[in-house]
C-alpha atoms as a PDB file:
ATOM      1  CA  UNK A   1     183.213  69.992  -1.931  1.00  0.00           C
ATOM      2  CA  UNK A   2     180.628  67.262  -2.567  1.00  0.00           C
ATOM      3  CA  UNK A   3     179.717  67.229   1.131  1.00  0.00           C
ATOM      4  CA  UNK A   4     179.151  71.000   1.091  1.00  0.00           C
ATOM      5  CA  UNK A   5     176.860  70.763  -1.949  1.00  0.00           C
ATOM      6  CA  UNK A   6     174.888  67.875  -0.414  1.00  0.00           C
ATOM      7  CA  UNK A   7     174.587  69.863   2.841  1.00  0.00           C
ATOM      8  CA  UNK A   8     173.259  72.913   0.991  1.00  0.00           C
ATOM      9  CA  UNK A   9     170.728  70.798  -0.910  1.00  0.00           C
ATOM     10  CA  UNK A  10     169.592  69.153   2.322  1.00  0.00           C
ATOM     11  CA  UNK A  11     169.153  72.576   3.950  1.00  0.00           C
ATOM     12  CA  UNK A  12     167.018  73.816   1.071  1.00  0.00           C
ATOM     13  CA  UNK A  13     164.931  70.605   1.133  1.00  0.00           C
ATOM     14  CA  UNK A  14     164.294  70.910   4.889  1.00  0.00           C
ATOM     15  CA  UNK A  15     163.189  74.542   4.550  1.00  0.00           C
ATOM     16  CA  UNK A  16     160.826  73.629   1.715  1.00  0.00           C
ATOM     17  CA  UNK A  17     159.403  70.717   3.720  1.00  0.00           C
ATOM     18  CA  UNK A  18     158.721  72.968   6.743  1.00  0.00           C
ATOM     19  CA  UNK A  19     157.019  75.496   4.474  1.00  0.00           C
ATOM     20  CA  UNK A  20     154.792  72.765   2.987  1.00  0.00           C
ATOM     21  CA  UNK A  21     153.712  71.695   6.484  1.00  0.00           C
ATOM     22  CA  UNK A  22     152.620  75.219   7.379  1.00  0.00           C
ATOM     23  CA  UNK A  23     150.874  75.604   4.031  1.00  0.00           C
ATOM     24  CA  UNK A  24     148.993  72.333   4.589  1.00  0.00           C
ATOM     25  CA  UNK A  25     147.949  73.444   8.079  1.00  0.00           C
ATOM     26  CA  UNK A  26     146.650  76.757   6.706  1.00  0.00           C
ATOM     27  CA  UNK A  27     144.752  74.990   3.911  1.00  0.00           C
ATOM     28  CA  UNK A  28     143.199  72.635   6.446  1.00  0.00           C
ATOM     29  CA  UNK A  29     141.888  75.435   8.672  1.00  0.00           C
ATOM     30  CA  UNK A  30     140.659  77.349   5.614  1.00  0.00           C
ATOM     31  CA  UNK A  31     138.679  74.211   4.738  1.00  0.00           C
ATOM     32  CA  UNK A  32     137.172  74.082   8.225  1.00  0.00           C
ATOM     33  CA  UNK A  33     136.141  77.750   7.887  1.00  0.00           C
ATOM     34  CA  UNK A  34     134.493  77.024   4.528  1.00  0.00           C
ATOM     35  CA  UNK A  35     132.686  74.026   6.061  1.00  0.00           C
ATOM     36  CA  UNK A  36     131.503  76.216   8.956  1.00  0.00           C
ATOM     37  CA  UNK A  37     130.177  78.808   6.493  1.00  0.00           C
ATOM     38  CA  UNK A  38     128.310  76.101   4.568  1.00  0.00           C
ATOM     39  CA  UNK A  39     126.926  74.569   7.762  1.00  0.00           C
ATOM     40  CA  UNK A  40     125.728  78.007   8.837  1.00  0.00           C
ATOM     41  CA  UNK A  41     123.767  78.448   5.606  1.00  0.00           C
ATOM     42  CA  UNK A  42     122.293  74.956   5.732  1.00  0.00           C
ATOM     43  CA  UNK A  43     121.380  75.391   9.397  1.00  0.00           C
ATOM     44  CA  UNK A  44     119.689  78.719   8.671  1.00  0.00           C
ATOM     45  CA  UNK A  45     117.554  77.057   6.002  1.00  0.00           C
ATOM     46  CA  UNK A  46     116.703  74.200   8.379  1.00  0.00           C
ATOM     47  CA  UNK A  47     115.642  76.592  11.150  1.00  0.00           C
ATOM     48  CA  UNK A  48     113.600  78.696   8.706  1.00  0.00           C
ATOM     49  CA  UNK A  49     111.819  75.618   7.359  1.00  0.00           C
ATOM     50  CA  UNK A  50     111.017  74.399  10.875  1.00  0.00           C
ATOM     51  CA  UNK A  51     113.016  71.152  10.709  1.00  0.00           C
ATOM     52  CA  UNK A  52     112.768  69.265  13.989  1.00  0.00           C
ATOM     53  CA  UNK A  53     115.886  69.603  16.124  1.00  0.00           C
ATOM     54  CA  UNK A  54     117.314  72.566  14.197  1.00  0.00           C
ATOM     55  CA  UNK A  55     118.534  75.322  16.503  1.00  0.00           C
ATOM     56  CA  UNK A  56     119.922  78.763  15.645  1.00  0.00           C
ATOM     57  CA  UNK A  57     123.697  79.234  15.719  1.00  0.00           C
ATOM     58  CA  UNK A  58     124.491  81.515  18.637  1.00  0.00           C
ATOM     59  CA  UNK A  59     127.948  80.350  19.787  1.00  0.00           C
ATOM     60  CA  UNK A  60     130.813  77.947  19.142  1.00  0.00           C
ATOM     61  CA  UNK A  61     129.018  74.866  20.438  1.00  0.00           C
ATOM     62  CA  UNK A  62     125.896  75.433  18.307  1.00  0.00           C
ATOM     63  CA  UNK A  63     128.184  76.034  15.307  1.00  0.00           C
ATOM     64  CA  UNK A  64     129.881  72.670  15.898  1.00  0.00           C
ATOM     65  CA  UNK A  65     126.446  71.063  16.282  1.00  0.00           C
ATOM     66  CA  UNK A  66     125.396  72.556  12.935  1.00  0.00           C
ATOM     67  CA  UNK A  67     128.540  71.062  11.371  1.00  0.00           C
ATOM     68  CA  UNK A  68     127.272  67.678  12.664  1.00  0.00           C
ATOM     69  CA  UNK A  69     130.715  66.688  13.948  1.00  0.00           C
ATOM     70  CA  UNK A  70     133.601  68.420  15.635  1.00  0.00           C
ATOM     71  CA  UNK A  71     136.555  68.932  13.289  1.00  0.00           C
ATOM     72  CA  UNK A  72     139.594  67.010  14.592  1.00  0.00           C
ATOM     73  CA  UNK A  73     141.515  69.068  17.137  1.00  0.00           C
ATOM     74  CA  UNK A  74     139.034  71.958  17.289  1.00  0.00           C
ATOM     75  CA  UNK A  75     137.538  73.170  20.589  1.00  0.00           C
ATOM     76  CA  UNK A  76     134.710  75.519  21.414  1.00  0.00           C
ATOM     77  CA  UNK A  77     134.561  78.141  24.129  1.00  0.00           C
ATOM     78  CA  UNK A  78     131.956  80.885  24.258  1.00  0.00           C
ATOM     79  CA  UNK A  79     131.338  82.224  20.778  1.00  0.00           C
ATOM     80  CA  UNK A  80     134.594  80.801  19.352  1.00  0.00           C
ATOM     81  CA  UNK A  81     135.802  77.563  17.774  1.00  0.00           C
ATOM     82  CA  UNK A  82     139.588  77.320  17.976  1.00  0.00           C
ATOM     83  CA  UNK A  83     142.494  75.137  16.921  1.00  0.00           C
ATOM     84  CA  UNK A  84     146.122  75.294  18.084  1.00  0.00           C
ATOM     85  CA  UNK A  85     148.263  74.454  15.071  1.00  0.00           C
ATOM     86  CA  UNK A  86     151.542  72.553  15.138  1.00  0.00           C
ATOM     87  CA  UNK A  87     153.227  75.773  14.081  1.00  0.00           C
ATOM     88  CA  UNK A  88     151.987  77.375  17.309  1.00  0.00           C
ATOM     89  CA  UNK A  89     149.438  79.527  15.503  1.00  0.00           C
ATOM     90  CA  UNK A  90     146.017  79.838  17.122  1.00  0.00           C
ATOM     91  CA  UNK A  91     143.250  79.635  14.544  1.00  0.00           C
ATOM     92  CA  UNK A  92     139.821  80.867  15.647  1.00  0.00           C
ATOM     93  CA  UNK A  93     136.382  81.058  14.057  1.00  0.00           C
ATOM     94  CA  UNK A  94     134.053  83.395  15.947  1.00  0.00           C
ATOM     95  CA  UNK A  95     130.287  83.709  15.762  1.00  0.00           C
ATOM     96  CA  UNK A  96     130.132  87.509  15.500  1.00  0.00           C
ATOM     97  CA  UNK A  97     126.485  87.757  14.531  1.00  0.00           C
ATOM     98  CA  UNK A  98     123.962  85.269  15.858  1.00  0.00           C
ATOM     99  CA  UNK A  99     121.411  83.607  13.634  1.00  0.00           C
ATOM    100  CA  UNK A 100     117.894  85.041  13.744  1.00  0.00           C
ATOM    101  CA  UNK A 101     114.681  84.851  11.701  1.00  0.00           C
ATOM    102  CA  UNK A 102     116.086  86.954   8.863  1.00  0.00           C
ATOM    103  CA  UNK A 103     119.790  86.164   8.613  1.00  0.00           C
ATOM    104  CA  UNK A 104     122.257  83.350   9.088  1.00  0.00           C
ATOM    105  CA  UNK A 105     125.024  83.552  11.671  1.00  0.00           C
ATOM    106  CA  UNK A 106     127.977  85.743  10.762  1.00  0.00           C
ATOM    107  CA  UNK A 107     131.327  83.999  11.127  1.00  0.00           C
ATOM    108  CA  UNK A 108     134.772  85.605  11.172  1.00  0.00           C
ATOM    109  CA  UNK A 109     138.172  83.982  11.153  1.00  0.00           C
ATOM    110  CA  UNK A 110     141.330  85.198  12.831  1.00  0.00           C
ATOM    111  CA  UNK A 111     144.538  83.944  11.227  1.00  0.00           C
END
């Protein structure tokens, strides 16, 4: 009987641990999206003020450049920054509206 109870407790603990890993992964990519949004706003202000070296965000690579460093594990291709999570989920941040003189780049997430 004791072995059965210990087995059930271990099963519950493993399921909770797996759930925490997925929750941590989701929180991490949500943080990258928030950082990308902030970088987009800061970059827009830099371009508008004429700061040397500032370029408008028009695709995934210019978004990563605006973030000043590539988030660990993230790649860029076309207008998308993407990350393949350990859970198998593909997380993507797309530049859906390019930056121009009057507005910052529009970013959307898909997850």
